[in-house]
PDB file of N, CA and C in Angstrom:
ATOM      1  N   MET A   1      60.703 -77.777  58.969  1.00  0.00           N
ATOM      2  CA  MET A   1      61.266 -76.890  59.306  1.00  0.00           C
ATOM      3  C   MET A   1      60.719 -76.412  60.755  1.00  0.00           C
ATOM      4  N   ALA A   2      59.625 -75.760  60.499  1.00  0.00           N
ATOM      5  CA  ALA A   2      58.705 -74.888  61.309  1.00  0.00           C
ATOM      6  C   ALA A   2      59.140 -75.716  63.170  1.00  0.00           C
ATOM      7  N   SER A   3      58.157 -77.013  63.638  1.00  0.00           N
ATOM      8  CA  SER A   3      58.236 -77.402  64.072  1.00  0.00           C
ATOM      9  C   SER A   3      60.391 -77.716  64.958  1.00  0.00           C
ATOM     10  N   ALA A   4      60.977 -78.063  64.092  1.00  0.00           N
ATOM     11  CA  ALA A   4      62.480 -77.761  64.325  1.00  0.00           C
ATOM     12  C   ALA A   4      62.655 -76.256  64.856  1.00  0.00           C
ATOM     13  N   GLU A   5      62.092 -75.297  64.330  1.00  0.00           N
ATOM     14  CA  GLU A   5      62.379 -73.696  65.060  1.00  0.00           C
ATOM     15  C   GLU A   5      61.793 -74.028  66.443  1.00  0.00           C
ATOM     16  N   GLN A   6      60.770 -74.680  66.418  1.00  0.00           N
ATOM     17  CA  GLN A   6      60.261 -74.230  67.905  1.00  0.00           C
ATOM     18  C   GLN A   6      60.869 -74.283  68.407  1.00  0.00           C
ATOM     19  N   VAL A   7      61.586 -76.261  68.376  1.00  0.00           N
ATOM     20  CA  VAL A   7      62.695 -76.379  68.953  1.00  0.00           C
ATOM     21  C   VAL A   7      63.744 -76.128  69.468  1.00  0.00           C
ATOM     22  N   PHE A   8      64.404 -75.673  68.980  1.00  0.00           N
ATOM     23  CA  PHE A   8      65.101 -75.011  69.047  1.00  0.00           C
ATOM     24  C   PHE A   8      65.764 -73.100  69.104  1.00  0.00           C
ATOM     25  N   GLY A   9      63.875 -73.179  68.862  1.00  0.00           N
ATOM     26  CA  GLY A   9      63.635 -71.347  69.560  1.00  0.00           C
ATOM     27  C   GLY A   9      63.257 -71.739  71.282  1.00  0.00           C
ATOM     28  N   ALA A  10      62.909 -72.511  71.342  1.00  0.00           N
ATOM     29  CA  ALA A  10      62.547 -72.935  73.205  1.00  0.00           C
ATOM     30  C   ALA A  10      63.847 -73.524  73.847  1.00  0.00           C
ATOM     31  N   VAL A  11      64.716 -73.787  73.564  1.00  0.00           N
ATOM     32  CA  VAL A  11      65.613 -74.713  73.798  1.00  0.00           C
ATOM     33  C   VAL A  11      66.941 -73.477  73.807  1.00  0.00           C
ATOM     34  N   ALA A  12      66.577 -72.076  73.450  1.00  0.00           N
ATOM     35  CA  ALA A  12      67.808 -70.866  72.679  1.00  0.00           C
ATOM     36  C   ALA A  12      67.304 -70.271  74.411  1.00  0.00           C
ATOM     37  N   HIS A  13      66.794 -70.347  74.956  1.00  0.00           N
ATOM     38  CA  HIS A  13      67.383 -69.858  76.260  1.00  0.00           C
ATOM     39  C   HIS A  13      68.035 -71.160  77.394  1.00  0.00           C
ATOM     40  N   ALA A  14      68.837 -70.192  78.274  1.00  0.00           N
ATOM     41  CA  ALA A  14      69.591 -70.827  79.010  1.00  0.00           C
ATOM     42  C   ALA A  14      68.147 -71.919  80.253  1.00  0.00           C
ATOM     43  N   SER A  15      67.565 -70.944  81.256  1.00  0.00           N
ATOM     44  CA  SER A  15      67.200 -71.589  81.741  1.00  0.00           C
ATOM     45  C   SER A  15      65.600 -72.242  81.381  1.00  0.00           C
ATOM     46  N   ARG A  16      65.614 -72.749  80.397  1.00  0.00           N
ATOM     47  CA  ARG A  16      64.602 -73.269  79.798  1.00  0.00           C
ATOM     48  C   ARG A  16      65.528 -75.168  79.506  1.00  0.00           C
ATOM     49  N   ARG A  17      66.409 -74.276  78.651  1.00  0.00           N
ATOM     50  CA  ARG A  17      67.215 -75.999  79.008  1.00  0.00           C
ATOM     51  C   ARG A  17      67.358 -75.774  80.412  1.00  0.00           C
ATOM     52  N   GLN A  18      67.549 -75.460  81.510  1.00  0.00           N
ATOM     53  CA  GLN A  18      67.577 -76.034  82.149  1.00  0.00           C
ATOM     54  C   GLN A  18      66.713 -76.433  83.177  1.00  0.00           C
ATOM     55  N   ILE A  19      65.830 -76.211  83.494  1.00  0.00           N
ATOM     56  CA  ILE A  19      64.435 -76.767  83.678  1.00  0.00           C
ATOM     57  C   ILE A  19      64.340 -78.406  82.579  1.00  0.00           C
ATOM     58  N   LEU A  20      64.279 -78.605  80.908  1.00  0.00           N
ATOM     59  CA  LEU A  20      64.486 -79.851  80.692  1.00  0.00           C
ATOM     60  C   LEU A  20      65.592 -80.242  81.215  1.00  0.00           C
ATOM     61  N   LEU A  21      66.160 -79.760  81.852  1.00  0.00           N
ATOM     62  CA  LEU A  21      67.448 -81.168  82.431  1.00  0.00           C
ATOM     63  C   LEU A  21      67.459 -81.758  83.512  1.00  0.00           C
ATOM     64  N   THR A  22      66.993 -80.678  84.290  1.00  0.00           N
ATOM     65  CA  THR A  22      65.711 -80.627  86.424  1.00  0.00           C
ATOM     66  C   THR A  22      64.812 -81.823  85.556  1.00  0.00           C
ATOM     67  N   LEU A  23      64.381 -81.388  84.971  1.00  0.00           N
ATOM     68  CA  LEU A  23      63.125 -82.583  84.976  1.00  0.00           C
ATOM     69  C   LEU A  23      63.098 -83.885  84.798  1.00  0.00           C
ATOM     70  N   HIS A  24      64.368 -83.990  83.648  1.00  0.00           N
ATOM     71  CA  HIS A  24      65.287 -85.263  83.082  1.00  0.00           C
ATOM     72  C   HIS A  24      66.140 -85.905  84.112  1.00  0.00           C
ATOM     73  N   PHE A  25      66.818 -84.967  85.721  1.00  0.00           N
ATOM     74  CA  PHE A  25      67.247 -85.959  85.651  1.00  0.00           C
ATOM     75  C   PHE A  25      66.435 -86.465  87.598  1.00  0.00           C
ATOM     76  N   ARG A  26      64.935 -85.451  87.371  1.00  0.00           N
ATOM     77  CA  ARG A  26      64.023 -85.691  88.167  1.00  0.00           C
ATOM     78  C   ARG A  26      63.074 -86.315  87.812  1.00  0.00           C
ATOM     79  N   GLY A  27      62.765 -87.326  87.035  1.00  0.00           N
ATOM     80  CA  GLY A  27      62.752 -88.668  86.392  1.00  0.00           C
ATOM     81  C   GLY A  27      61.841 -88.985  85.399  1.00  0.00           C
ATOM     82  N   GLY A  28      61.886 -87.531  84.834  1.00  0.00           N
ATOM     83  CA  GLY A  28      60.842 -86.993  84.450  1.00  0.00           C
ATOM     84  C   GLY A  28      60.178 -86.486  84.204  1.00  0.00           C
ATOM     85  N   GLU A  29      59.464 -86.187  85.700  1.00  0.00           N
ATOM     86  CA  GLU A  29      57.696 -85.390  85.666  1.00  0.00           C
ATOM     87  C   GLU A  29      58.566 -84.560  87.541  1.00  0.00           C
ATOM     88  N   MET A  30      57.545 -83.189  87.429  1.00  0.00           N
ATOM     89  CA  MET A  30      57.618 -82.847  88.602  1.00  0.00           C
ATOM     90  C   MET A  30      55.624 -81.483  88.683  1.00  0.00           C
ATOM     91  N   THR A  31      56.141 -81.400  89.133  1.00  0.00           N
ATOM     92  CA  THR A  31      54.829 -80.565  90.113  1.00  0.00           C
ATOM     93  C   THR A  31      55.747 -78.426  89.150  1.00  0.00           C
ATOM     94  N   ALA A  32      54.639 -78.212  88.668  1.00  0.00           N
ATOM     95  CA  ALA A  32      54.997 -76.447  88.823  1.00  0.00           C
ATOM     96  C   ALA A  32      55.860 -75.945  89.691  1.00  0.00           C
ATOM     97  N   GLY A  33      55.322 -76.000  90.460  1.00  0.00           N
ATOM     98  CA  GLY A  33      55.688 -75.440  92.364  1.00  0.00           C
ATOM     99  C   GLY A  33      56.391 -76.116  91.988  1.00  0.00           C
ATOM    100  N   ASP A  34      57.100 -77.506  92.519  1.00  0.00           N
ATOM    101  CA  ASP A  34      58.769 -77.946  92.582  1.00  0.00           C
ATOM    102  C   ASP A  34      59.293 -77.047  92.070  1.00  0.00           C
ATOM    103  N   ILE A  35      59.065 -77.404  90.355  1.00  0.00           N
ATOM    104  CA  ILE A  35      59.919 -76.525  89.328  1.00  0.00           C
ATOM    105  C   ILE A  35      60.330 -75.553  88.847  1.00  0.00           C
ATOM    106  N   ALA A  36      59.399 -74.394  89.719  1.00  0.00           N
ATOM    107  CA  ALA A  36      58.906 -73.006  90.405  1.00  0.00           C
ATOM    108  C   ALA A  36      60.251 -72.608  91.295  1.00  0.00           C
ATOM    109  N   GLU A  37      60.290 -73.955  91.981  1.00  0.00           N
ATOM    110  CA  GLU A  37      60.925 -73.518  93.936  1.00  0.00           C
ATOM    111  C   GLU A  37      62.659 -73.963  93.497  1.00  0.00           C
ATOM    112  N   ARG A  38      63.131 -74.446  92.386  1.00  0.00           N
ATOM    113  CA  ARG A  38      65.226 -74.667  92.045  1.00  0.00           C
ATOM    114  C   ARG A  38      65.053 -73.441  90.798  1.00  0.00           C
ATOM    115  N   PHE A  39      63.871 -72.806  90.317  1.00  0.00           N
ATOM    116  CA  PHE A  39      64.760 -70.986  89.681  1.00  0.00           C
ATOM    117  C   PHE A  39      64.675 -70.711  90.670  1.00  0.00           C
ATOM    118  N   GLY A  40      65.583 -68.759  90.121  1.00  0.00           N
ATOM    119  CA  GLY A  40      65.430 -68.413  91.656  1.00  0.00           C
ATOM    120  C   GLY A  40      64.687 -67.290  90.558  1.00  0.00           C
ATOM    121  N   CYS A  41      63.609 -66.669  89.673  1.00  0.00           N
ATOM    122  CA  CYS A  41      63.168 -66.265  88.427  1.00  0.00           C
ATOM    123  C   CYS A  41      61.163 -66.315  89.439  1.00  0.00           C
ATOM    124  N   THR A  42      60.545 -64.620  89.115  1.00  0.00           N
ATOM    125  CA  THR A  42      59.214 -65.077  89.772  1.00  0.00           C
ATOM    126  C   THR A  42      58.210 -66.742  89.083  1.00  0.00           C
ATOM    127  N   TRP A  43      57.718 -66.804  89.970  1.00  0.00           N
ATOM    128  CA  TRP A  43      56.659 -67.877  89.568  1.00  0.00           C
ATOM    129  C   TRP A  43      55.722 -67.028  87.662  1.00  0.00           C
ATOM    130  N   ALA A  44      55.762 -65.917  87.509  1.00  0.00           N
ATOM    131  CA  ALA A  44      55.259 -65.436  86.187  1.00  0.00           C
ATOM    132  C   ALA A  44      56.666 -65.769  85.229  1.00  0.00           C
ATOM    133  N   THR A  45      57.345 -65.733  85.289  1.00  0.00           N
ATOM    134  CA  THR A  45      58.427 -66.109  84.461  1.00  0.00           C
ATOM    135  C   THR A  45      58.593 -67.656  84.352  1.00  0.00           C
ATOM    136  N   THR A  46      58.493 -68.187  85.137  1.00  0.00           N
ATOM    137  CA  THR A  46      58.642 -69.486  85.224  1.00  0.00           C
ATOM    138  C   THR A  46      57.681 -70.134  84.567  1.00  0.00           C
ATOM    139  N   SER A  47      56.541 -69.668  84.694  1.00  0.00           N
ATOM    140  CA  SER A  47      55.102 -69.857  83.973  1.00  0.00           C
ATOM    141  C   SER A  47      55.820 -69.991  82.406  1.00  0.00           C
ATOM    142  N   ARG A  48      55.832 -68.806  81.984  1.00  0.00           N
ATOM    143  CA  ARG A  48      56.200 -68.507  80.396  1.00  0.00           C
ATOM    144  C   ARG A  48      56.821 -69.081  79.411  1.00  0.00           C
ATOM    145  N   HIS A  49      58.169 -69.435  80.874  1.00  0.00           N
ATOM    146  CA  HIS A  49      59.245 -70.637  79.958  1.00  0.00           C
ATOM    147  C   HIS A  49      58.282 -72.216  79.706  1.00  0.00           C
ATOM    148  N   LEU A  50      57.537 -72.237  80.944  1.00  0.00           N
ATOM    149  CA  LEU A  50      56.984 -73.989  81.049  1.00  0.00           C
ATOM    150  C   LEU A  50      56.303 -73.334  80.023  1.00  0.00           C
ATOM    151  N   LYS A  51      55.253 -72.779  79.339  1.00  0.00           N
ATOM    152  CA  LYS A  51      54.403 -72.490  78.444  1.00  0.00           C
ATOM    153  C   LYS A  51      55.737 -72.202  76.987  1.00  0.00           C
ATOM    154  N   VAL A  52      56.105 -71.805  77.250  1.00  0.00           N
ATOM    155  CA  VAL A  52      57.712 -72.090  75.722  1.00  0.00           C
ATOM    156  C   VAL A  52      57.989 -73.465  75.287  1.00  0.00           C
ATOM    157  N   LEU A  53      58.234 -74.282  76.027  1.00  0.00           N
ATOM    158  CA  LEU A  53      58.124 -75.671  76.251  1.00  0.00           C
ATOM    159  C   LEU A  53      56.842 -76.802  75.643  1.00  0.00           C
ATOM    160  N   ARG A  54      56.046 -76.258  76.537  1.00  0.00           N
ATOM    161  CA  ARG A  54      54.734 -76.542  76.267  1.00  0.00           C
ATOM    162  C   ARG A  54      54.614 -76.658  74.524  1.00  0.00           C
ATOM    163  N   ASP A  55      54.418 -74.939  74.250  1.00  0.00           N
ATOM    164  CA  ASP A  55      54.281 -75.547  72.746  1.00  0.00           C
ATOM    165  C   ASP A  55      55.072 -75.845  71.726  1.00  0.00           C
ATOM    166  N   ALA A  56      56.317 -76.075  72.124  1.00  0.00           N
ATOM    167  CA  ALA A  56      57.500 -76.694  70.754  1.00  0.00           C
ATOM    168  C   ALA A  56      57.417 -78.276  71.740  1.00  0.00           C
ATOM    169  N   GLY A  57      55.941 -78.819  72.006  1.00  0.00           N
ATOM    170  CA  GLY A  57      55.852 -80.341  72.342  1.00  0.00           C
ATOM    171  C   GLY A  57      57.050 -81.081  73.580  1.00  0.00           C
ATOM    172  N   LEU A  58      57.728 -79.825  74.389  1.00  0.00           N
ATOM    173  CA  LEU A  58      58.760 -80.895  74.853  1.00  0.00           C
ATOM    174  C   LEU A  58      58.079 -80.693  75.996  1.00  0.00           C
ATOM    175  N   VAL A  59      56.615 -80.355  76.644  1.00  0.00           N
ATOM    176  CA  VAL A  59      56.760 -80.919  78.180  1.00  0.00           C
ATOM    177  C   VAL A  59      55.549 -80.848  77.971  1.00  0.00           C
ATOM    178  N   SER A  60      54.830 -82.203  78.744  1.00  0.00           N
ATOM    179  CA  SER A  60      53.404 -82.158  78.633  1.00  0.00           C
ATOM    180  C   SER A  60      52.834 -81.611  79.696  1.00  0.00           C
ATOM    181  N   VAL A  61      51.086 -81.579  80.056  1.00  0.00           N
ATOM    182  CA  VAL A  61      50.415 -81.295  81.374  1.00  0.00           C
ATOM    183  C   VAL A  61      49.889 -82.009  82.386  1.00  0.00           C
ATOM    184  N   VAL A  62      49.996 -82.333  82.581  1.00  0.00           N
ATOM    185  CA  VAL A  62      49.239 -84.067  82.761  1.00  0.00           C
ATOM    186  C   VAL A  62      48.170 -83.875  84.335  1.00  0.00           C
ATOM    187  N   LYS A  63      47.157 -83.407  84.645  1.00  0.00           N
ATOM    188  CA  LYS A  63      46.393 -82.271  85.906  1.00  0.00           C
ATOM    189  C   LYS A  63      46.414 -84.087  86.618  1.00  0.00           C
ATOM    190  N   ARG A  64      46.367 -84.047  88.326  1.00  0.00           N
ATOM    191  CA  ARG A  64      46.739 -84.783  89.406  1.00  0.00           C
ATOM    192  C   ARG A  64      45.714 -83.723  90.377  1.00  0.00           C
ATOM    193  N   GLY A  65      44.613 -83.803  89.941  1.00  0.00           N
ATOM    194  CA  GLY A  65      44.059 -83.347  91.692  1.00  0.00           C
ATOM    195  C   GLY A  65      44.227 -81.518  91.300  1.00  0.00           C
ATOM    196  N   ARG A  66      44.717 -81.216  91.857  1.00  0.00           N
ATOM    197  CA  ARG A  66      44.957 -79.701  92.617  1.00  0.00           C
ATOM    198  C   ARG A  66      45.994 -79.051  91.408  1.00  0.00           C
ATOM    199  N   GLU A  67      46.767 -80.711  91.568  1.00  0.00           N
ATOM    200  CA  GLU A  67      48.687 -80.533  90.694  1.00  0.00           C
ATOM    201  C   GLU A  67      48.549 -80.199  89.324  1.00  0.00           C
ATOM    202  N   ARG A  68      49.195 -79.492  89.077  1.00  0.00           N
ATOM    203  CA  ARG A  68      49.900 -79.811  87.455  1.00  0.00           C
ATOM    204  C   ARG A  68      51.254 -79.964  86.799  1.00  0.00           C
ATOM    205  N   ILE A  69      51.781 -81.065  86.269  1.00  0.00           N
ATOM    206  CA  ILE A  69      52.667 -82.188  86.084  1.00  0.00           C
ATOM    207  C   ILE A  69      52.812 -82.069  84.616  1.00  0.00           C
ATOM    208  N   TYR A  70      54.494 -81.514  85.158  1.00  0.00           N
ATOM    209  CA  TYR A  70      55.689 -81.465  83.626  1.00  0.00           C
ATOM    210  C   TYR A  70      55.307 -82.553  83.867  1.00  0.00           C
ATOM    211  N   VAL A  71      55.402 -82.559  81.952  1.00  0.00           N
ATOM    212  CA  VAL A  71      55.905 -84.519  81.799  1.00  0.00           C
ATOM    213  C   VAL A  71      57.124 -84.419  80.605  1.00  0.00           C
ATOM    214  N   LEU A  72      58.390 -84.340  80.923  1.00  0.00           N
ATOM    215  CA  LEU A  72      59.285 -84.570  80.114  1.00  0.00           C
ATOM    216  C   LEU A  72      59.257 -85.032  78.638  1.00  0.00           C
ATOM    217  N   GLU A  73      59.238 -84.975  77.687  1.00  0.00           N
ATOM    218  CA  GLU A  73      58.777 -84.939  76.139  1.00  0.00           C
ATOM    219  C   GLU A  73      60.295 -85.775  75.293  1.00  0.00           C
ATOM    220  N   LYS A  74      61.334 -86.584  76.099  1.00  0.00           N
ATOM    221  CA  LYS A  74      62.655 -87.452  74.573  1.00  0.00           C
ATOM    222  C   LYS A  74      61.974 -87.085  73.810  1.00  0.00           C
ATOM    223  N   ASN A  75      61.515 -87.720  73.601  1.00  0.00           N
ATOM    224  CA  ASN A  75      60.830 -88.493  71.750  1.00  0.00           C
ATOM    225  C   ASN A  75      60.608 -86.959  71.340  1.00  0.00           C
ATOM    226  N   ARG A  76      60.287 -86.344  71.383  1.00  0.00           N
ATOM    227  CA  ARG A  76      59.594 -85.204  70.551  1.00  0.00           C
ATOM    228  C   ARG A  76      61.199 -84.481  70.483  1.00  0.00           C
ATOM    229  N   LEU A  77      61.711 -84.245  71.110  1.00  0.00           N
ATOM    230  CA  LEU A  77      63.456 -83.309  71.595  1.00  0.00           C
ATOM    231  C   LEU A  77      64.066 -84.441  70.248  1.00  0.00           C
ATOM    232  N   ARG A  78      64.171 -85.298  70.449  1.00  0.00           N
ATOM    233  CA  ARG A  78      64.961 -86.985  70.228  1.00  0.00           C
ATOM    234  C   ARG A  78      65.007 -86.760  68.146  1.00  0.00           C
ATOM    235  N   SER A  79      63.680 -86.640  67.591  1.00  0.00           N
ATOM    236  CA  SER A  79      63.203 -86.600  66.883  1.00  0.00           C
ATOM    237  C   SER A  79      63.258 -85.371  65.799  1.00  0.00           C
ATOM    238  N   VAL A  80      63.287 -84.159  66.665  1.00  0.00           N
ATOM    239  CA  VAL A  80      63.674 -83.069  65.421  1.00  0.00           C
ATOM    240  C   VAL A  80      65.094 -82.371  65.875  1.00  0.00           C
ATOM    241  N   VAL A  81      65.593 -83.266  67.204  1.00  0.00           N
ATOM    242  CA  VAL A  81      67.136 -83.005  66.638  1.00  0.00           C
ATOM    243  C   VAL A  81      67.964 -84.000  66.157  1.00  0.00           C
ATOM    244  N   GLY A  82      67.694 -84.875  66.436  1.00  0.00           N
ATOM    245  CA  GLY A  82      67.848 -86.151  64.937  1.00  0.00           C
ATOM    246  C   GLY A  82      68.013 -86.447  63.387  1.00  0.00           C
ATOM    247  N   ASP A  83      65.794 -85.442  63.055  1.00  0.00           N
ATOM    248  CA  ASP A  83      66.476 -85.941  62.052  1.00  0.00           C
ATOM    249  C   ASP A  83      67.118 -84.259  61.364  1.00  0.00           C
ATOM    250  N   TRP A  84      67.222 -82.926  63.128  1.00  0.00           N
ATOM    251  CA  TRP A  84      68.159 -82.525  62.168  1.00  0.00           C
ATOM    252  C   TRP A  84      69.565 -82.389  61.301  1.00  0.00           C
ATOM    253  N   LEU A  85      70.131 -82.634  62.813  1.00  0.00           N
ATOM    254  CA  LEU A  85      71.911 -83.574  62.568  1.00  0.00           C
ATOM    255  C   LEU A  85      71.891 -84.566  61.676  1.00  0.00           C
ATOM    256  N   GLY A  86      70.423 -84.863  61.197  1.00  0.00           N
ATOM    257  CA  GLY A  86      70.767 -86.453  59.902  1.00  0.00           C
ATOM    258  C   GLY A  86      71.302 -85.852  58.750  1.00  0.00           C
ATOM    259  N   TRP A  87      70.741 -84.642  58.615  1.00  0.00           N
ATOM    260  CA  TRP A  87      70.994 -83.825  57.633  1.00  0.00           C
ATOM    261  C   TRP A  87      72.918 -83.928  57.302  1.00  0.00           C
ATOM    262  N   PHE A  88      73.751 -83.346  58.168  1.00  0.00           N
ATOM    263  CA  PHE A  88      74.969 -83.659  58.344  1.00  0.00           C
ATOM    264  C   PHE A  88      75.838 -85.341  57.504  1.00  0.00           C
ATOM    265  N   ASP A  89      74.649 -85.853  58.053  1.00  0.00           N
ATOM    266  CA  ASP A  89      75.260 -87.875  57.924  1.00  0.00           C
ATOM    267  C   ASP A  89      75.112 -88.133  55.897  1.00  0.00           C
ATOM    268  N   ARG A  90      74.284 -86.852  55.169  1.00  0.00           N
ATOM    269  CA  ARG A  90      74.603 -87.618  54.473  1.00  0.00           C
ATOM    270  C   ARG A  90      74.936 -86.951  53.240  1.00  0.00           C
TER     271      ARG A  90
END
């Protein structure tokens, strides 16, 4: 359940949900700079949100040259939410 708590905690914040949706609708990956440009908060705030999402396993980071590409981990979200919602089908 600790894994589920971390995911649910990460998606509890509206900005982090928006980052996940943006990644999804932009093909599943974006640079850190592209993500930051889409939000009206400072780079430090965006960076903190990305760290929470990364720590929860909802995004991963790939380095390509000087850029960091954030990749949406859809299966992680599906597995945690599916496992948790599965309790209601029993």
